[in-house]
Amino acid sequence: MTDSLIQAAALRAAFDTIEESYEFMLAYAAQGRKQETAEGTGESQIRQYLRRMAAALDDCARATADGLGGEAGAAFAGRFRADTAVARSVVALLLARPSISSEMVDNTNGLIALRAFLTDVFFVDQAVLPAR
């Protein structure tokens, strides 16, 4: 497999995790929870999804470290890395909270910065990476 195909596979795996996590965040926001509740003796589902999202965001940063889209995409690659870093920071801020309410997640979902990153993801998947 070529480096570009390896990068595409790594990014698409990360994108799938990010999209799955975001979908859970939408559902969690609608639940009206004042505080999170842990599942059994482990951590709450929202924390599990946020941790997976954080790891996938780290994977995005690693996969795009050497560029994205070649010379034509250099400026966009820089923007994508910056948007990835902001999204990672948002997730880290949520994870640092002692309890994550539905309202916090709802406000997170509405952040223009997070929406910009998700739009970047869709663009990269459809227009930058090799066709599936």
C-alpha atoms as a PDB file:
ATOM      1  CA  MET A   1       0.000   0.000   0.000  1.00  0.00           C
ATOM      2  CA  THR A   2       1.334   3.449  -0.854  1.00  0.00           C
ATOM      3  CA  ASP A   3       1.842   6.141   1.772  1.00  0.00           C
ATOM      4  CA  SER A   4      -1.146   8.115   0.466  1.00  0.00           C
ATOM      5  CA  LEU A   5      -3.408   5.057   0.737  1.00  0.00           C
ATOM      6  CA  ILE A   6      -2.145   4.370   4.258  1.00  0.00           C
ATOM      7  CA  GLN A   7      -2.801   8.009   5.176  1.00  0.00           C
ATOM      8  CA  ALA A   8      -6.284   7.821   3.629  1.00  0.00           C
ATOM      9  CA  ALA A   9      -7.111   4.620   5.532  1.00  0.00           C
ATOM     10  CA  ALA A  10      -5.879   6.113   8.816  1.00  0.00           C
ATOM     11  CA  LEU A  11      -7.849   9.306   8.283  1.00  0.00           C
ATOM     12  CA  ARG A  12     -11.027   7.484   7.303  1.00  0.00           C
ATOM     13  CA  ALA A  13     -10.800   5.278  10.410  1.00  0.00           C
ATOM     14  CA  ALA A  14     -10.366   8.399  12.546  1.00  0.00           C
ATOM     15  CA  PHE A  15     -13.225  10.134  10.723  1.00  0.00           C
ATOM     16  CA  ASP A  16     -15.538   7.188  11.386  1.00  0.00           C
ATOM     17  CA  THR A  17     -14.764   7.364  15.113  1.00  0.00           C
ATOM     18  CA  ILE A  18     -15.229  11.140  15.178  1.00  0.00           C
ATOM     19  CA  GLU A  19     -18.579  10.910  13.378  1.00  0.00           C
ATOM     20  CA  GLU A  20     -19.781   8.128  15.686  1.00  0.00           C
ATOM     21  CA  SER A  21     -18.740  10.152  18.729  1.00  0.00           C
ATOM     22  CA  TYR A  22     -20.427  13.292  17.433  1.00  0.00           C
ATOM     23  CA  GLU A  23     -23.645  11.354  16.798  1.00  0.00           C
ATOM     24  CA  PHE A  24     -23.534  10.142  20.412  1.00  0.00           C
ATOM     25  CA  MET A  25     -22.943  13.716  21.556  1.00  0.00           C
ATOM     26  CA  LEU A  26     -26.088  14.822  19.710  1.00  0.00           C
ATOM     27  CA  ALA A  27     -28.109  12.104  21.432  1.00  0.00           C
ATOM     28  CA  TYR A  28     -26.567  12.890  24.827  1.00  0.00           C
ATOM     29  CA  ALA A  29     -27.374  16.585  24.450  1.00  0.00           C
ATOM     30  CA  ALA A  30     -31.039  15.715  23.921  1.00  0.00           C
ATOM     31  CA  GLN A  31     -31.257  13.665  27.136  1.00  0.00           C
ATOM     32  CA  GLY A  32     -31.454  16.646  29.471  1.00  0.00           C
ATOM     33  CA  ARG A  33     -28.968  15.246  31.981  1.00  0.00           C
ATOM     34  CA  LYS A  34     -27.930  17.673  34.694  1.00  0.00           C
ATOM     35  CA  GLN A  35     -24.879  15.514  35.385  1.00  0.00           C
ATOM     36  CA  GLU A  36     -23.380  12.408  33.907  1.00  0.00           C
ATOM     37  CA  THR A  37     -23.852   8.961  35.362  1.00  0.00           C
ATOM     38  CA  ALA A  38     -21.272   6.205  35.195  1.00  0.00           C
ATOM     39  CA  GLU A  39     -22.107   2.824  33.761  1.00  0.00           C
ATOM     40  CA  GLY A  40     -21.551   0.276  36.531  1.00  0.00           C
ATOM     41  CA  THR A  41     -18.158   0.927  38.076  1.00  0.00           C
ATOM     42  CA  GLY A  42     -16.607   2.330  34.906  1.00  0.00           C
ATOM     43  CA  GLU A  43     -16.809   5.735  33.368  1.00  0.00           C
ATOM     44  CA  SER A  44     -19.877   7.217  31.694  1.00  0.00           C
ATOM     45  CA  GLN A  45     -20.661   6.624  28.051  1.00  0.00           C
ATOM     46  CA  ILE A  46     -20.142  10.290  27.229  1.00  0.00           C
ATOM     47  CA  ARG A  47     -16.585  10.110  28.602  1.00  0.00           C
ATOM     48  CA  GLN A  48     -15.922   6.903  26.680  1.00  0.00           C
ATOM     49  CA  TYR A  49     -17.035   8.536  23.431  1.00  0.00           C
ATOM     50  CA  LEU A  50     -15.106  11.722  24.148  1.00  0.00           C
ATOM     51  CA  ARG A  51     -11.922   9.737  24.881  1.00  0.00           C
ATOM     52  CA  ARG A  52     -12.322   7.828  21.624  1.00  0.00           C
ATOM     53  CA  MET A  53     -12.919  11.109  19.805  1.00  0.00           C
ATOM     54  CA  ALA A  54      -9.779  12.604  21.403  1.00  0.00           C
ATOM     55  CA  ALA A  55      -7.706   9.626  20.256  1.00  0.00           C
ATOM     56  CA  ALA A  56      -9.147   9.914  16.733  1.00  0.00           C
ATOM     57  CA  LEU A  57      -8.323  13.635  16.667  1.00  0.00           C
ATOM     58  CA  ASP A  58      -4.746  12.759  17.642  1.00  0.00           C
ATOM     59  CA  ASP A  59      -4.726  10.241  14.779  1.00  0.00           C
ATOM     60  CA  CYS A  60      -5.881  12.992  12.385  1.00  0.00           C
ATOM     61  CA  ALA A  61      -3.029  15.217  13.510  1.00  0.00           C
ATOM     62  CA  ARG A  62      -0.482  12.424  13.008  1.00  0.00           C
ATOM     63  CA  ALA A  63      -1.889  11.386   9.622  1.00  0.00           C
ATOM     64  CA  THR A  64      -1.752  14.933   8.265  1.00  0.00           C
ATOM     65  CA  ALA A  65       1.617  15.900   9.765  1.00  0.00           C
ATOM     66  CA  ASP A  66       3.291  15.548   6.367  1.00  0.00           C
ATOM     67  CA  GLY A  67       0.637  17.452   4.463  1.00  0.00           C
ATOM     68  CA  LEU A  68      -2.696  16.851   2.850  1.00  0.00           C
ATOM     69  CA  GLY A  69      -3.517  17.237  -0.791  1.00  0.00           C
ATOM     70  CA  GLY A  70       0.039  17.921  -1.894  1.00  0.00           C
ATOM     71  CA  GLU A  71       1.240  21.368  -2.897  1.00  0.00           C
ATOM     72  CA  ALA A  72      -2.233  22.458  -4.030  1.00  0.00           C
ATOM     73  CA  GLY A  73      -3.642  21.668  -0.601  1.00  0.00           C
ATOM     74  CA  ALA A  74      -0.873  23.151   1.551  1.00  0.00           C
ATOM     75  CA  ALA A  75      -2.903  26.091   2.858  1.00  0.00           C
ATOM     76  CA  PHE A  76      -5.927  23.897   3.524  1.00  0.00           C
ATOM     77  CA  ALA A  77      -3.745  21.298   5.264  1.00  0.00           C
ATOM     78  CA  GLY A  78      -2.549  23.984   7.659  1.00  0.00           C
ATOM     79  CA  ARG A  79      -6.140  25.052   8.361  1.00  0.00           C
ATOM     80  CA  PHE A  80      -7.197  21.420   8.864  1.00  0.00           C
ATOM     81  CA  ARG A  81      -4.408  20.846  11.387  1.00  0.00           C
ATOM     82  CA  ALA A  82      -5.383  24.042  13.241  1.00  0.00           C
ATOM     83  CA  ASP A  83      -9.078  23.058  13.265  1.00  0.00           C
ATOM     84  CA  THR A  84      -8.104  19.595  14.497  1.00  0.00           C
ATOM     85  CA  ALA A  85      -6.112  21.147  17.354  1.00  0.00           C
ATOM     86  CA  VAL A  86      -9.059  23.347  18.355  1.00  0.00           C
ATOM     87  CA  ALA A  87     -11.471  20.377  18.272  1.00  0.00           C
ATOM     88  CA  ARG A  88      -9.007  18.379  20.390  1.00  0.00           C
ATOM     89  CA  SER A  89      -8.844  21.258  22.885  1.00  0.00           C
ATOM     90  CA  VAL A  90     -12.651  21.412  23.101  1.00  0.00           C
ATOM     91  CA  VAL A  91     -12.826  17.689  23.869  1.00  0.00           C
ATOM     92  CA  ALA A  92     -10.050  18.035  26.466  1.00  0.00           C
ATOM     93  CA  LEU A  93     -11.960  20.856  28.186  1.00  0.00           C
ATOM     94  CA  LEU A  94     -15.070  18.688  28.435  1.00  0.00           C
ATOM     95  CA  LEU A  95     -13.094  15.728  29.760  1.00  0.00           C
ATOM     96  CA  ALA A  96     -11.545  17.962  32.431  1.00  0.00           C
ATOM     97  CA  ARG A  97     -14.981  18.737  33.899  1.00  0.00           C
ATOM     98  CA  PRO A  98     -15.959  16.741  37.001  1.00  0.00           C
ATOM     99  CA  SER A  99     -19.380  16.064  35.464  1.00  0.00           C
ATOM    100  CA  ILE A 100     -20.567  16.543  31.899  1.00  0.00           C
ATOM    101  CA  SER A 101     -24.160  17.733  31.527  1.00  0.00           C
ATOM    102  CA  SER A 102     -26.325  17.515  28.434  1.00  0.00           C
ATOM    103  CA  GLU A 103     -26.318  21.314  28.275  1.00  0.00           C
ATOM    104  CA  MET A 104     -22.499  21.401  28.129  1.00  0.00           C
ATOM    105  CA  VAL A 105     -22.519  18.911  25.270  1.00  0.00           C
ATOM    106  CA  ASP A 106     -25.323  20.774  23.502  1.00  0.00           C
ATOM    107  CA  ASN A 107     -23.300  23.988  23.657  1.00  0.00           C
ATOM    108  CA  THR A 108     -20.229  22.094  22.461  1.00  0.00           C
ATOM    109  CA  ASN A 109     -22.185  20.709  19.504  1.00  0.00           C
ATOM    110  CA  GLY A 110     -23.158  24.257  18.570  1.00  0.00           C
ATOM    111  CA  LEU A 111     -19.614  25.616  18.551  1.00  0.00           C
ATOM    112  CA  ILE A 112     -18.727  27.031  15.158  1.00  0.00           C
ATOM    113  CA  ALA A 113     -15.185  25.723  15.689  1.00  0.00           C
ATOM    114  CA  LEU A 114     -16.430  22.144  16.059  1.00  0.00           C
ATOM    115  CA  ARG A 115     -18.777  22.489  13.109  1.00  0.00           C
ATOM    116  CA  ALA A 116     -15.946  23.909  10.995  1.00  0.00           C
ATOM    117  CA  PHE A 117     -13.817  20.898  11.864  1.00  0.00           C
ATOM    118  CA  LEU A 118     -16.611  18.468  10.974  1.00  0.00           C
ATOM    119  CA  THR A 119     -17.082  20.248   7.651  1.00  0.00           C
ATOM    120  CA  ASP A 120     -13.317  19.893   7.086  1.00  0.00           C
ATOM    121  CA  VAL A 121     -13.682  16.158   7.733  1.00  0.00           C
ATOM    122  CA  PHE A 122     -16.451  15.793   5.145  1.00  0.00           C
ATOM    123  CA  PHE A 123     -14.476  17.820   2.599  1.00  0.00           C
ATOM    124  CA  VAL A 124     -11.282  15.811   3.117  1.00  0.00           C
ATOM    125  CA  ASP A 125     -13.173  12.535   2.890  1.00  0.00           C
ATOM    126  CA  GLN A 126     -14.974  13.481  -0.322  1.00  0.00           C
ATOM    127  CA  ALA A 127     -12.606  15.824  -2.171  1.00  0.00           C
ATOM    128  CA  VAL A 128      -9.055  15.288  -0.946  1.00  0.00           C
ATOM    129  CA  LEU A 129      -8.603  11.594  -0.206  1.00  0.00           C
ATOM    130  CA  PRO A 130      -8.557   8.985  -2.963  1.00  0.00           C
ATOM    131  CA  ALA A 131     -12.018   7.656  -3.862  1.00  0.00           C
ATOM    132  CA  ARG A 132     -13.242   4.772  -1.735  1.00  0.00           C
END
